[in-house]
Amino acid sequence: MALERTFAIIKPDAVKNGHIGEILTIIEQSGFRILGLKKRTLGKAEAEAFYAVHKDRPFFSGLVTFMTEGPVVVLALEREDAIAKWREVMGATNPANAAEGTIRKRFAENIERNSAHGSDAPETAAVEIPFFFSGVELL
């Protein structure tokens, strides 16, 4: 199986609650190589552009507000089967349905403040990674 890349965000709720280190440890212990990592605060226009796929959904405005309320950590990750594995490590979108030990089960407040984001397909990762990282930034 070939190496694959995925994109991840440690969302404002997890950053605010001091879970960056624990989540990074989980990422590394799950066999991911961290190719890129940045801590930053998203502007409204940037969050709207990143989540544009959801612009017609009723939760879009709340999502943009949440994602701009404080710092996030954006990551480019690599390993075999990275997209599926990261989604498994994150757990279900709704933490009430997430498996024990997953990031969302451990750290999420609710379905809207769910601690982490991950690419859902290779095509998504191919758009999301360069949204935040230039090729020379990925080590």
N, C-alpha and C. Protein backbone atom coordinates (compact mmCIF):
# COMPACT_ATOMS: atom_id res chain seq x y z
N MET A 1 0.85 -1.18 0.00
CA MET A 1 0.00 0.00 0.00
C MET A 1 0.89 1.25 0.00
N ALA A 2 0.51 2.23 -0.78
CA ALA A 2 1.31 3.45 -0.93
C ALA A 2 1.00 4.45 0.19
N LEU A 3 1.97 5.31 0.42
CA LEU A 3 1.76 6.40 1.37
C LEU A 3 0.69 7.34 0.82
N GLU A 4 -0.08 7.93 1.72
CA GLU A 4 -1.15 8.84 1.36
C GLU A 4 -1.05 10.04 2.29
N ARG A 5 -1.52 11.18 1.80
CA ARG A 5 -1.54 12.40 2.61
C ARG A 5 -2.97 12.78 2.95
N THR A 6 -3.12 13.37 4.11
CA THR A 6 -4.41 13.90 4.51
C THR A 6 -4.20 15.22 5.23
N PHE A 7 -5.28 15.95 5.38
CA PHE A 7 -5.25 17.24 6.05
C PHE A 7 -6.05 17.15 7.33
N ALA A 8 -5.58 17.83 8.36
CA ALA A 8 -6.26 17.82 9.66
C ALA A 8 -6.25 19.21 10.27
N ILE A 9 -7.26 19.49 11.06
CA ILE A 9 -7.30 20.71 11.86
C ILE A 9 -7.63 20.32 13.29
N ILE A 10 -6.84 20.85 14.22
CA ILE A 10 -7.23 20.83 15.63
C ILE A 10 -8.01 22.12 15.83
N LYS A 11 -9.31 21.98 16.08
CA LYS A 11 -10.24 23.11 16.06
C LYS A 11 -10.13 23.99 17.32
N PRO A 12 -10.74 25.19 17.27
CA PRO A 12 -10.61 26.15 18.37
C PRO A 12 -10.99 25.62 19.75
N ASP A 13 -11.99 24.73 19.84
CA ASP A 13 -12.39 24.21 21.14
C ASP A 13 -11.27 23.39 21.77
N ALA A 14 -10.63 22.54 20.98
CA ALA A 14 -9.55 21.71 21.50
C ALA A 14 -8.32 22.54 21.82
N VAL A 15 -8.03 23.56 21.01
CA VAL A 15 -6.90 24.46 21.29
C VAL A 15 -7.15 25.21 22.59
N LYS A 16 -8.33 25.80 22.71
CA LYS A 16 -8.68 26.57 23.91
C LYS A 16 -8.61 25.73 25.18
N ASN A 17 -9.00 24.47 25.07
CA ASN A 17 -9.01 23.59 26.24
C ASN A 17 -7.69 22.89 26.50
N GLY A 18 -6.65 23.26 25.76
CA GLY A 18 -5.30 22.76 26.03
C GLY A 18 -5.02 21.34 25.59
N HIS A 19 -5.64 20.91 24.49
CA HIS A 19 -5.47 19.53 24.04
C HIS A 19 -4.54 19.35 22.85
N ILE A 20 -3.83 20.40 22.44
CA ILE A 20 -2.93 20.27 21.27
C ILE A 20 -1.93 19.14 21.48
N GLY A 21 -1.23 19.16 22.58
CA GLY A 21 -0.18 18.16 22.82
C GLY A 21 -0.72 16.74 22.84
N GLU A 22 -1.85 16.54 23.49
CA GLU A 22 -2.44 15.20 23.55
C GLU A 22 -2.84 14.73 22.16
N ILE A 23 -3.41 15.62 21.37
CA ILE A 23 -3.84 15.24 20.02
C ILE A 23 -2.63 14.96 19.14
N LEU A 24 -1.59 15.78 19.24
CA LEU A 24 -0.37 15.51 18.46
C LEU A 24 0.24 14.16 18.86
N THR A 25 0.21 13.84 20.13
CA THR A 25 0.72 12.54 20.59
C THR A 25 -0.10 11.41 19.97
N ILE A 26 -1.41 11.54 19.97
CA ILE A 26 -2.28 10.53 19.36
C ILE A 26 -1.95 10.38 17.88
N ILE A 27 -1.75 11.50 17.20
CA ILE A 27 -1.41 11.47 15.77
C ILE A 27 -0.13 10.67 15.55
N GLU A 28 0.90 11.00 16.30
CA GLU A 28 2.18 10.30 16.11
C GLU A 28 2.09 8.84 16.54
N GLN A 29 1.40 8.55 17.62
CA GLN A 29 1.27 7.17 18.07
C GLN A 29 0.42 6.33 17.12
N SER A 30 -0.36 7.00 16.27
CA SER A 30 -1.17 6.31 15.28
C SER A 30 -0.42 6.10 13.97
N GLY A 31 0.86 6.41 13.96
CA GLY A 31 1.71 6.11 12.81
C GLY A 31 1.77 7.19 11.75
N PHE A 32 1.25 8.37 12.05
CA PHE A 32 1.32 9.47 11.08
C PHE A 32 2.65 10.18 11.17
N ARG A 33 3.11 10.62 10.03
CA ARG A 33 4.26 11.52 9.95
C ARG A 33 3.68 12.91 9.73
N ILE A 34 4.08 13.86 10.56
CA ILE A 34 3.60 15.23 10.42
C ILE A 34 4.50 15.94 9.41
N LEU A 35 3.93 16.26 8.25
CA LEU A 35 4.68 16.91 7.18
C LEU A 35 4.66 18.43 7.33
N GLY A 36 3.59 18.96 7.90
CA GLY A 36 3.44 20.39 8.08
C GLY A 36 2.55 20.66 9.27
N LEU A 37 2.84 21.73 10.00
CA LEU A 37 2.07 22.10 11.18
C LEU A 37 2.15 23.60 11.37
N LYS A 38 0.99 24.24 11.55
CA LYS A 38 0.94 25.68 11.80
C LYS A 38 -0.15 25.95 12.83
N LYS A 39 0.13 26.85 13.75
CA LYS A 39 -0.91 27.34 14.64
C LYS A 39 -1.24 28.75 14.18
N ARG A 40 -2.54 28.99 13.95
CA ARG A 40 -2.93 30.29 13.43
C ARG A 40 -4.41 30.55 13.70
N THR A 41 -4.82 31.77 13.50
CA THR A 41 -6.22 32.14 13.62
C THR A 41 -6.76 32.42 12.23
N LEU A 42 -7.88 31.83 11.90
CA LEU A 42 -8.48 32.01 10.58
C LEU A 42 -9.31 33.29 10.55
N GLY A 43 -9.21 34.02 9.46
CA GLY A 43 -10.09 35.16 9.23
C GLY A 43 -11.42 34.66 8.67
N LYS A 44 -12.45 35.50 8.73
CA LYS A 44 -13.77 35.11 8.26
C LYS A 44 -13.76 34.70 6.79
N ALA A 45 -13.12 35.50 5.93
CA ALA A 45 -13.08 35.18 4.50
C ALA A 45 -12.36 33.86 4.25
N GLU A 46 -11.30 33.62 4.99
CA GLU A 46 -10.54 32.37 4.84
C GLU A 46 -11.39 31.16 5.27
N ALA A 47 -12.08 31.28 6.39
CA ALA A 47 -12.93 30.18 6.87
C ALA A 47 -14.08 29.94 5.89
N GLU A 48 -14.66 31.02 5.37
CA GLU A 48 -15.74 30.87 4.39
C GLU A 48 -15.24 30.18 3.13
N ALA A 49 -14.05 30.52 2.68
CA ALA A 49 -13.49 29.89 1.49
C ALA A 49 -13.17 28.42 1.74
N PHE A 50 -12.59 28.13 2.90
CA PHE A 50 -12.22 26.74 3.20
C PHE A 50 -13.47 25.86 3.28
N TYR A 51 -14.51 26.36 3.91
CA TYR A 51 -15.73 25.58 4.10
C TYR A 51 -16.81 25.89 3.04
N ALA A 52 -16.42 26.45 1.91
CA ALA A 52 -17.36 26.85 0.86
C ALA A 52 -18.28 25.71 0.42
N VAL A 53 -17.80 24.49 0.49
CA VAL A 53 -18.62 23.34 0.11
C VAL A 53 -19.90 23.27 0.93
N HIS A 54 -19.89 23.87 2.12
CA HIS A 54 -21.05 23.84 3.02
C HIS A 54 -21.87 25.13 2.99
N LYS A 55 -21.58 26.06 2.08
CA LYS A 55 -22.16 27.41 2.13
C LYS A 55 -23.68 27.43 2.10
N ASP A 56 -24.32 26.43 1.53
CA ASP A 56 -25.78 26.41 1.47
C ASP A 56 -26.41 25.59 2.59
N ARG A 57 -25.59 25.10 3.50
CA ARG A 57 -26.10 24.29 4.61
C ARG A 57 -26.47 25.20 5.78
N PRO A 58 -27.44 24.82 6.57
CA PRO A 58 -27.90 25.69 7.66
C PRO A 58 -26.84 25.96 8.74
N PHE A 59 -25.85 25.09 8.85
CA PHE A 59 -24.83 25.26 9.89
C PHE A 59 -23.64 26.10 9.45
N PHE A 60 -23.61 26.55 8.19
CA PHE A 60 -22.44 27.24 7.64
C PHE A 60 -22.03 28.46 8.45
N SER A 61 -22.94 29.35 8.75
CA SER A 61 -22.63 30.57 9.48
C SER A 61 -22.04 30.26 10.85
N GLY A 62 -22.66 29.33 11.56
CA GLY A 62 -22.15 28.94 12.87
C GLY A 62 -20.78 28.30 12.79
N LEU A 63 -20.54 27.51 11.75
CA LEU A 63 -19.24 26.88 11.55
C LEU A 63 -18.16 27.93 11.33
N VAL A 64 -18.45 28.91 10.48
CA VAL A 64 -17.48 29.99 10.22
C VAL A 64 -17.19 30.76 11.51
N THR A 65 -18.23 31.10 12.26
CA THR A 65 -18.05 31.82 13.53
C THR A 65 -17.18 31.01 14.48
N PHE A 66 -17.48 29.72 14.62
CA PHE A 66 -16.70 28.84 15.50
C PHE A 66 -15.23 28.76 15.05
N MET A 67 -15.01 28.55 13.77
CA MET A 67 -13.65 28.35 13.29
C MET A 67 -12.80 29.63 13.34
N THR A 68 -13.43 30.78 13.53
CA THR A 68 -12.68 32.04 13.62
C THR A 68 -12.61 32.59 15.03
N GLU A 69 -13.14 31.88 16.00
CA GLU A 69 -13.19 32.41 17.37
C GLU A 69 -11.88 32.28 18.13
N GLY A 70 -10.94 31.54 17.62
CA GLY A 70 -9.66 31.38 18.29
C GLY A 70 -8.71 30.60 17.41
N PRO A 71 -7.50 30.40 17.90
CA PRO A 71 -6.49 29.70 17.11
C PRO A 71 -6.87 28.26 16.79
N VAL A 72 -6.35 27.79 15.67
CA VAL A 72 -6.45 26.39 15.25
C VAL A 72 -5.03 25.90 14.95
N VAL A 73 -4.89 24.60 14.85
CA VAL A 73 -3.64 24.01 14.38
C VAL A 73 -3.97 23.24 13.11
N VAL A 74 -3.33 23.61 12.01
CA VAL A 74 -3.53 22.91 10.74
C VAL A 74 -2.34 21.99 10.51
N LEU A 75 -2.64 20.81 9.98
CA LEU A 75 -1.61 19.79 9.80
C LEU A 75 -1.75 19.09 8.46
N ALA A 76 -0.62 18.77 7.87
CA ALA A 76 -0.55 17.86 6.73
C ALA A 76 0.08 16.59 7.27
N LEU A 77 -0.62 15.48 7.09
CA LEU A 77 -0.19 14.20 7.65
C LEU A 77 0.04 13.17 6.56
N GLU A 78 0.90 12.20 6.85
CA GLU A 78 1.19 11.15 5.87
C GLU A 78 1.34 9.82 6.57
N ARG A 79 0.83 8.79 5.93
CA ARG A 79 1.01 7.38 6.31
C ARG A 79 0.26 6.54 5.29
N GLU A 80 0.37 5.24 5.38
CA GLU A 80 -0.44 4.39 4.54
C GLU A 80 -1.90 4.55 4.95
N ASP A 81 -2.78 4.66 3.96
CA ASP A 81 -4.21 4.77 4.20
C ASP A 81 -4.54 5.93 5.16
N ALA A 82 -3.87 7.06 4.96
CA ALA A 82 -3.95 8.19 5.90
C ALA A 82 -5.35 8.75 6.07
N ILE A 83 -6.10 8.86 5.00
CA ILE A 83 -7.43 9.48 5.09
C ILE A 83 -8.36 8.64 5.96
N ALA A 84 -8.46 7.37 5.66
CA ALA A 84 -9.33 6.49 6.44
C ALA A 84 -8.83 6.37 7.88
N LYS A 85 -7.53 6.26 8.05
CA LYS A 85 -6.99 6.11 9.41
C LYS A 85 -7.24 7.36 10.24
N TRP A 86 -7.04 8.57 9.67
CA TRP A 86 -7.28 9.79 10.42
C TRP A 86 -8.75 9.90 10.80
N ARG A 87 -9.63 9.53 9.90
CA ARG A 87 -11.06 9.59 10.21
C ARG A 87 -11.41 8.60 11.32
N GLU A 88 -10.76 7.47 11.34
CA GLU A 88 -10.96 6.49 12.41
C GLU A 88 -10.45 7.04 13.75
N VAL A 89 -9.27 7.65 13.73
CA VAL A 89 -8.68 8.21 14.95
C VAL A 89 -9.52 9.38 15.48
N MET A 90 -10.07 10.20 14.57
CA MET A 90 -10.93 11.31 14.99
C MET A 90 -12.21 10.80 15.62
N GLY A 91 -12.84 9.79 15.02
CA GLY A 91 -14.12 9.30 15.48
C GLY A 91 -15.26 9.97 14.74
N ALA A 92 -16.46 9.53 15.01
CA ALA A 92 -17.66 10.06 14.35
C ALA A 92 -17.80 11.55 14.59
N THR A 93 -18.39 12.25 13.61
CA THR A 93 -18.60 13.70 13.69
C THR A 93 -19.32 14.08 14.99
N ASN A 94 -20.34 13.32 15.33
CA ASN A 94 -21.05 13.54 16.59
C ASN A 94 -20.33 12.75 17.68
N PRO A 95 -19.72 13.44 18.65
CA PRO A 95 -18.97 12.72 19.68
C PRO A 95 -19.81 11.73 20.48
N ALA A 96 -21.12 11.93 20.51
CA ALA A 96 -21.99 10.97 21.19
C ALA A 96 -21.97 9.61 20.50
N ASN A 97 -21.66 9.61 19.21
CA ASN A 97 -21.60 8.37 18.43
C ASN A 97 -20.18 7.89 18.19
N ALA A 98 -19.20 8.62 18.68
CA ALA A 98 -17.78 8.27 18.45
C ALA A 98 -17.35 7.11 19.34
N ALA A 99 -16.45 6.30 18.81
CA ALA A 99 -15.91 5.17 19.57
C ALA A 99 -15.06 5.67 20.73
N GLU A 100 -15.04 4.88 21.79
CA GLU A 100 -14.22 5.20 22.95
C GLU A 100 -12.76 5.36 22.52
N GLY A 101 -12.09 6.34 23.10
CA GLY A 101 -10.67 6.57 22.83
C GLY A 101 -10.39 7.45 21.64
N THR A 102 -11.40 7.74 20.80
CA THR A 102 -11.17 8.61 19.65
C THR A 102 -11.04 10.06 20.12
N ILE A 103 -10.48 10.89 19.26
CA ILE A 103 -10.29 12.30 19.59
C ILE A 103 -11.61 12.97 19.92
N ARG A 104 -12.60 12.75 19.10
CA ARG A 104 -13.88 13.42 19.33
C ARG A 104 -14.57 12.90 20.60
N LYS A 105 -14.46 11.63 20.89
CA LYS A 105 -15.06 11.10 22.11
C LYS A 105 -14.37 11.70 23.33
N ARG A 106 -13.06 11.83 23.26
CA ARG A 106 -12.28 12.33 24.41
C ARG A 106 -12.37 13.84 24.60
N PHE A 107 -12.39 14.60 23.49
CA PHE A 107 -12.19 16.04 23.61
C PHE A 107 -13.32 16.93 23.09
N ALA A 108 -14.23 16.41 22.27
CA ALA A 108 -15.26 17.25 21.67
C ALA A 108 -16.33 17.64 22.68
N GLU A 109 -16.86 18.83 22.49
CA GLU A 109 -17.95 19.33 23.33
C GLU A 109 -19.30 18.86 22.81
N ASN A 110 -19.47 18.87 21.49
CA ASN A 110 -20.73 18.45 20.87
C ASN A 110 -20.48 18.30 19.37
N ILE A 111 -21.53 18.04 18.61
CA ILE A 111 -21.39 17.81 17.17
C ILE A 111 -20.83 19.03 16.45
N GLU A 112 -21.13 20.22 16.93
CA GLU A 112 -20.65 21.44 16.28
C GLU A 112 -19.26 21.85 16.74
N ARG A 113 -18.92 21.56 17.97
CA ARG A 113 -17.62 21.89 18.54
C ARG A 113 -16.91 20.55 18.77
N ASN A 114 -16.46 19.96 17.66
CA ASN A 114 -16.03 18.56 17.72
C ASN A 114 -14.52 18.33 17.60
N SER A 115 -13.73 19.32 17.96
CA SER A 115 -12.29 19.19 18.19
C SER A 115 -11.39 18.99 16.98
N ALA A 116 -11.88 18.34 15.92
CA ALA A 116 -10.97 18.00 14.83
C ALA A 116 -11.69 17.96 13.49
N HIS A 117 -10.94 18.21 12.45
CA HIS A 117 -11.40 18.12 11.07
C HIS A 117 -10.44 17.20 10.34
N GLY A 118 -10.95 16.49 9.34
CA GLY A 118 -10.09 15.69 8.49
C GLY A 118 -10.65 15.58 7.09
N SER A 119 -9.77 15.49 6.12
CA SER A 119 -10.18 15.28 4.73
C SER A 119 -10.99 14.00 4.64
N ASP A 120 -12.00 14.00 3.75
CA ASP A 120 -12.85 12.82 3.61
C ASP A 120 -12.56 11.99 2.37
N ALA A 121 -11.64 12.46 1.53
CA ALA A 121 -11.31 11.74 0.30
C ALA A 121 -9.99 12.28 -0.24
N PRO A 122 -9.31 11.51 -1.10
CA PRO A 122 -8.06 12.00 -1.69
C PRO A 122 -8.24 13.32 -2.43
N GLU A 123 -9.38 13.47 -3.11
CA GLU A 123 -9.64 14.72 -3.85
C GLU A 123 -9.76 15.91 -2.90
N THR A 124 -10.37 15.69 -1.75
CA THR A 124 -10.52 16.75 -0.74
C THR A 124 -9.16 17.11 -0.16
N ALA A 125 -8.37 16.10 0.19
CA ALA A 125 -7.03 16.35 0.73
C ALA A 125 -6.18 17.13 -0.27
N ALA A 126 -6.34 16.83 -1.55
CA ALA A 126 -5.56 17.51 -2.59
C ALA A 126 -5.89 18.99 -2.69
N VAL A 127 -7.07 19.39 -2.23
CA VAL A 127 -7.47 20.79 -2.20
C VAL A 127 -7.13 21.41 -0.84
N GLU A 128 -7.40 20.68 0.24
CA GLU A 128 -7.23 21.22 1.59
C GLU A 128 -5.78 21.44 1.98
N ILE A 129 -4.90 20.53 1.65
CA ILE A 129 -3.48 20.70 2.04
C ILE A 129 -2.90 21.97 1.43
N PRO A 130 -3.00 22.19 0.12
CA PRO A 130 -2.42 23.43 -0.43
C PRO A 130 -3.19 24.70 -0.06
N PHE A 131 -4.37 24.58 0.50
CA PHE A 131 -5.08 25.76 0.99
C PHE A 131 -4.26 26.41 2.10
N PHE A 132 -3.55 25.61 2.88
CA PHE A 132 -2.77 26.12 4.02
C PHE A 132 -1.26 25.97 3.89
N PHE A 133 -0.80 25.06 3.03
CA PHE A 133 0.63 24.79 2.93
C PHE A 133 1.11 24.86 1.49
N SER A 134 2.23 25.54 1.28
CA SER A 134 2.88 25.48 -0.03
C SER A 134 3.71 24.20 -0.05
N GLY A 135 4.04 23.72 -1.23
CA GLY A 135 4.82 22.50 -1.34
C GLY A 135 6.13 22.52 -0.60
N VAL A 136 6.78 23.67 -0.56
CA VAL A 136 8.09 23.75 0.11
C VAL A 136 7.96 23.71 1.63
N GLU A 137 6.76 23.90 2.14
CA GLU A 137 6.56 23.86 3.59
C GLU A 137 6.37 22.43 4.11
N LEU A 138 6.14 21.48 3.22
CA LEU A 138 5.90 20.12 3.64
C LEU A 138 7.21 19.35 3.67
N LEU A 139 7.58 18.94 4.85
CA LEU A 139 8.87 18.28 5.04
C LEU A 139 8.71 16.78 5.19
